[in-house]
Amino acid sequence: MAEDYAAKMGRKTEAELRDYVLNRYQYREEAVLAALDELALRGIPEPGAATLVAELQLSKQETDRRELAERELEAEKEQARRIARGEVGPEIQQKAGPALYSPGTITIFSVLFSMVAGGVLLALNLRALRRTGPALLVVAFMLAYLAATHYTLAWLQQAYGNEYVWLGSVFNIVAIVIYNLVFWPRYIGLQAYQSRSWGSALLICGLITLVYLAWALRFGMPTV
């Protein structure tokens, strides 16, 4: 229930009402407007009240827009959480947005297989959102990062043997962090979505991983 500022100001002293006006940036616009109205009712209007009222009404409109946006954003986030928990029906899921692989799925695939798998899922998300440029950027980053990691590991293996082979996992973790903390917030952000089934992706990634491992072992190349 909205607060009854008119009744509240009716119980204030003149000094308290003047304080609302003087320190108006510390209070809600509705409270200050009610204080100005109460002063006018008592026959002791604030000098320049008309200008203050116009200023406060504009400020109130901006505050109302901001608070509405915050409520809508929170509602979208709550609905996304409910969809992820399976608490809503399919008709609501259809309205919630496109089917995307979640950050958790991208992380799991990157850990189970490699950063390539996570990058592919992220690129597929962007393609589903019709954001071709960012999708190509993810693919370019993935290929460049994979090449840099491969040559770095190859050089380390040649110079130090297998002493630093564990760095492959570190490079993989860094890629996961970049996916989740750079690409996702920038190009997907708070987009409402429904979680996409990952069964087929798991099968495909498993087959690709087997082929890649066989190829890497055949040519004596380090894996990421």
Protein backbone atom coordinates (compact mmCIF):
# COMPACT_ATOMS: atom_id res chain seq x y z
CA MET A 1 0.00 0.00 0.00
CA ALA A 2 1.30 3.45 -0.94
CA GLU A 3 2.13 5.66 2.00
CA ASP A 4 -0.36 8.45 2.77
CA TYR A 5 2.05 11.38 2.68
CA ALA A 6 -0.72 13.98 2.92
CA ALA A 7 -1.90 12.63 6.27
CA LYS A 8 1.69 12.25 7.45
CA MET A 9 2.54 15.87 6.62
CA GLY A 10 -0.61 17.06 8.40
CA ARG A 11 0.96 15.93 11.67
CA LYS A 12 4.29 17.71 11.07
CA THR A 13 5.35 21.06 12.50
CA GLU A 14 6.21 23.93 10.20
CA ALA A 15 9.92 23.42 10.92
CA GLU A 16 9.66 19.74 9.97
CA LEU A 17 7.84 20.63 6.75
CA ARG A 18 10.51 23.19 5.89
CA ASP A 19 13.14 20.54 6.52
CA TYR A 20 11.52 18.30 3.90
CA VAL A 21 11.75 21.12 1.39
CA LEU A 22 15.24 22.26 2.36
CA ASN A 23 16.69 18.73 2.32
CA ARG A 24 14.41 17.48 -0.44
CA TYR A 25 17.10 15.33 -2.08
CA GLN A 26 17.09 13.08 1.00
CA TYR A 27 13.37 12.26 0.71
CA ARG A 28 11.02 10.77 -1.81
CA GLU A 29 9.49 13.25 -4.20
CA GLU A 30 5.96 12.41 -3.03
CA ALA A 31 6.89 13.35 0.54
CA VAL A 32 8.32 16.72 -0.48
CA LEU A 33 5.34 17.49 -2.70
CA ALA A 34 3.01 16.67 0.18
CA ALA A 35 5.06 18.95 2.45
CA LEU A 36 4.70 21.82 -0.06
CA ASP A 37 0.94 21.21 -0.27
CA GLU A 38 0.64 21.24 3.52
CA LEU A 39 2.56 24.51 3.80
CA ALA A 40 0.23 26.05 1.20
CA LEU A 41 -2.83 24.78 3.12
CA ARG A 42 -1.54 26.43 6.27
CA GLY A 43 -1.17 29.75 4.46
CA ILE A 44 2.65 29.75 4.66
CA PRO A 45 3.67 28.63 1.15
CA GLU A 46 7.29 28.01 0.30
CA PRO A 47 8.83 30.74 -1.88
CA GLY A 48 9.30 29.46 -5.43
CA ALA A 49 6.97 26.56 -4.76
CA ALA A 50 5.75 26.37 -8.38
CA THR A 51 9.30 25.85 -9.67
CA LEU A 52 10.00 23.24 -6.98
CA VAL A 53 6.81 21.36 -7.80
CA ALA A 54 7.69 21.20 -11.50
CA GLU A 55 11.20 19.99 -10.66
CA LEU A 56 9.93 17.37 -8.21
CA GLN A 57 7.30 16.07 -10.63
CA LEU A 58 9.95 15.51 -13.30
CA SER A 59 12.18 13.80 -10.77
CA LYS A 60 9.26 11.65 -9.60
CA GLN A 61 8.59 10.48 -13.17
CA GLU A 62 12.22 9.40 -13.53
CA THR A 63 12.14 7.64 -10.15
CA ASP A 64 8.92 5.83 -11.10
CA ARG A 65 10.46 4.67 -14.40
CA ARG A 66 13.59 3.43 -12.65
CA GLU A 67 11.68 1.55 -9.97
CA LEU A 68 9.36 -0.01 -12.56
CA ALA A 69 12.38 -1.20 -14.57
CA GLU A 70 13.93 -2.66 -11.42
CA ARG A 71 10.69 -4.50 -10.55
CA GLU A 72 10.37 -5.88 -14.09
CA LEU A 73 14.00 -6.99 -14.06
CA GLU A 74 13.57 -8.75 -10.73
CA ALA A 75 10.40 -10.41 -12.01
CA GLU A 76 12.26 -11.67 -15.10
CA LYS A 77 15.08 -13.03 -12.95
CA GLU A 78 12.63 -14.77 -10.64
CA GLN A 79 10.80 -16.31 -13.58
CA ALA A 80 14.10 -17.51 -15.05
CA ARG A 81 14.93 -19.14 -11.70
CA ARG A 82 11.50 -20.82 -11.60
CA ILE A 83 11.93 -22.10 -15.14
CA ALA A 84 15.35 -23.51 -14.27
CA ARG A 85 13.78 -25.31 -11.29
CA GLY A 86 10.95 -26.66 -13.47
CA GLU A 87 8.25 -24.86 -11.50
CA VAL A 88 6.35 -23.41 -14.47
CA GLY A 89 4.37 -24.99 -17.29
CA PRO A 90 5.48 -25.21 -20.92
CA GLU A 91 3.17 -22.37 -22.00
CA ILE A 92 5.03 -19.96 -19.69
CA GLN A 93 8.38 -21.34 -20.77
CA GLN A 94 7.53 -20.50 -24.37
CA LYS A 95 6.98 -16.88 -23.35
CA ALA A 96 10.15 -16.72 -21.27
CA GLY A 97 12.50 -16.40 -24.21
CA PRO A 98 14.66 -18.55 -26.46
CA ALA A 99 16.17 -21.87 -25.42
CA LEU A 100 19.81 -21.30 -24.44
CA TYR A 101 22.56 -23.35 -22.86
CA SER A 102 23.00 -21.97 -19.34
CA PRO A 103 26.33 -20.70 -17.96
CA GLY A 104 26.39 -23.81 -15.77
CA THR A 105 26.06 -26.07 -18.81
CA ILE A 106 28.80 -24.15 -20.63
CA THR A 107 31.07 -24.53 -17.60
CA ILE A 108 30.37 -28.26 -17.21
CA PHE A 109 31.04 -28.97 -20.89
CA SER A 110 34.24 -26.92 -20.77
CA VAL A 111 35.44 -28.96 -17.79
CA LEU A 112 34.35 -32.36 -19.09
CA PHE A 113 35.65 -31.84 -22.62
CA SER A 114 37.55 -28.60 -23.24
CA MET A 115 37.08 -24.88 -23.64
CA VAL A 116 36.20 -25.61 -27.27
CA ALA A 117 32.98 -27.35 -26.21
CA GLY A 118 31.99 -24.44 -23.97
CA GLY A 119 32.82 -21.94 -26.71
CA VAL A 120 30.68 -23.79 -29.23
CA LEU A 121 27.69 -23.80 -26.84
CA LEU A 122 28.13 -20.09 -26.17
CA ALA A 123 28.33 -19.37 -29.90
CA LEU A 124 25.15 -21.42 -30.46
CA ASN A 125 23.42 -19.28 -27.81
CA LEU A 126 24.39 -16.11 -29.64
CA ARG A 127 23.28 -17.59 -32.93
CA ALA A 128 19.89 -18.41 -31.38
CA LEU A 129 19.65 -14.74 -30.35
CA ARG A 130 20.60 -13.73 -33.93
CA ARG A 131 23.73 -11.98 -32.69
CA THR A 132 25.98 -13.12 -35.52
CA GLY A 133 28.81 -10.68 -34.84
CA PRO A 134 29.31 -11.70 -31.20
CA ALA A 135 28.96 -15.38 -32.18
CA LEU A 136 31.78 -15.02 -34.71
CA LEU A 137 33.80 -13.13 -32.10
CA VAL A 138 33.45 -16.07 -29.69
CA VAL A 139 34.54 -18.50 -32.40
CA ALA A 140 37.53 -16.29 -33.30
CA PHE A 141 38.52 -16.02 -29.64
CA MET A 142 38.15 -19.78 -29.18
CA LEU A 143 40.35 -20.61 -32.20
CA ALA A 144 42.99 -18.00 -31.34
CA TYR A 145 43.06 -19.06 -27.69
CA LEU A 146 43.26 -22.73 -28.66
CA ALA A 147 46.15 -22.05 -31.05
CA ALA A 148 48.01 -19.93 -28.48
CA THR A 149 47.50 -22.59 -25.81
CA HIS A 150 48.66 -25.36 -28.13
CA TYR A 151 51.88 -23.61 -29.13
CA THR A 152 52.58 -22.53 -25.56
CA LEU A 153 52.19 -26.08 -24.27
CA ALA A 154 54.22 -27.46 -27.16
CA TRP A 155 57.06 -25.04 -26.42
CA LEU A 156 56.96 -25.83 -22.70
CA GLN A 157 56.99 -29.55 -23.42
CA GLN A 158 59.96 -29.16 -25.74
CA ALA A 159 61.88 -27.00 -23.27
CA TYR A 160 60.96 -28.66 -19.97
CA GLY A 161 59.43 -32.00 -20.82
CA ASN A 162 56.18 -32.78 -19.01
CA GLU A 163 56.93 -30.57 -16.03
CA TYR A 164 54.32 -27.96 -16.98
CA VAL A 165 51.72 -30.15 -18.65
CA TRP A 166 49.27 -29.25 -15.86
CA LEU A 167 49.08 -25.72 -17.29
CA GLY A 168 46.62 -27.08 -19.86
CA SER A 169 43.97 -27.22 -17.15
CA VAL A 170 44.80 -23.68 -16.04
CA PHE A 171 44.38 -22.36 -19.58
CA ASN A 172 41.04 -24.17 -19.76
CA ILE A 173 39.84 -22.56 -16.51
CA VAL A 174 40.83 -19.10 -17.76
CA ALA A 175 38.75 -19.65 -20.90
CA ILE A 176 35.74 -20.67 -18.77
CA VAL A 177 36.07 -17.50 -16.70
CA ILE A 178 36.19 -15.37 -19.87
CA TYR A 179 33.07 -17.09 -21.24
CA ASN A 180 31.07 -16.52 -18.07
CA LEU A 181 32.38 -13.14 -16.90
CA VAL A 182 33.07 -11.38 -20.21
CA PHE A 183 31.15 -12.81 -23.15
CA TRP A 184 27.94 -13.81 -21.36
CA PRO A 185 27.39 -10.52 -19.43
CA ARG A 186 28.29 -8.40 -22.45
CA TYR A 187 26.43 -10.18 -25.24
CA ILE A 188 23.61 -12.04 -23.43
CA GLY A 189 23.36 -10.31 -20.08
CA LEU A 190 20.02 -10.60 -18.30
CA GLN A 191 18.22 -11.97 -21.35
CA ALA A 192 15.29 -14.11 -20.23
CA TYR A 193 15.64 -17.65 -21.53
CA GLN A 194 14.64 -21.24 -20.97
CA SER A 195 17.27 -23.88 -20.35
CA ARG A 196 18.09 -25.85 -23.48
CA SER A 197 18.38 -29.63 -23.37
CA TRP A 198 22.02 -30.68 -23.54
CA GLY A 199 21.65 -34.40 -24.30
CA SER A 200 22.46 -34.15 -28.01
CA ALA A 201 25.30 -31.71 -27.31
CA LEU A 202 26.78 -34.20 -24.85
CA LEU A 203 26.76 -36.95 -27.46
CA ILE A 204 28.28 -34.76 -30.15
CA CYS A 205 30.97 -33.37 -27.84
CA GLY A 206 31.84 -36.87 -26.69
CA LEU A 207 32.34 -38.04 -30.27
CA ILE A 208 34.36 -34.95 -31.21
CA THR A 209 36.55 -35.37 -28.13
CA LEU A 210 37.30 -38.98 -29.03
CA VAL A 211 38.27 -37.96 -32.57
CA TYR A 212 40.43 -35.09 -31.28
CA LEU A 213 42.21 -37.29 -28.72
CA ALA A 214 42.90 -39.92 -31.37
CA TRP A 215 44.29 -37.22 -33.67
CA ALA A 216 46.39 -35.65 -30.90
CA LEU A 217 47.86 -39.03 -29.90
CA ARG A 218 48.56 -39.86 -33.53
CA PHE A 219 50.61 -36.72 -34.06
CA GLY A 220 51.99 -36.41 -30.52
CA MET A 221 50.24 -33.12 -29.77
CA PRO A 222 49.32 -31.91 -26.27
CA THR A 223 45.65 -31.76 -25.38
CA VAL A 224 43.96 -28.75 -23.79
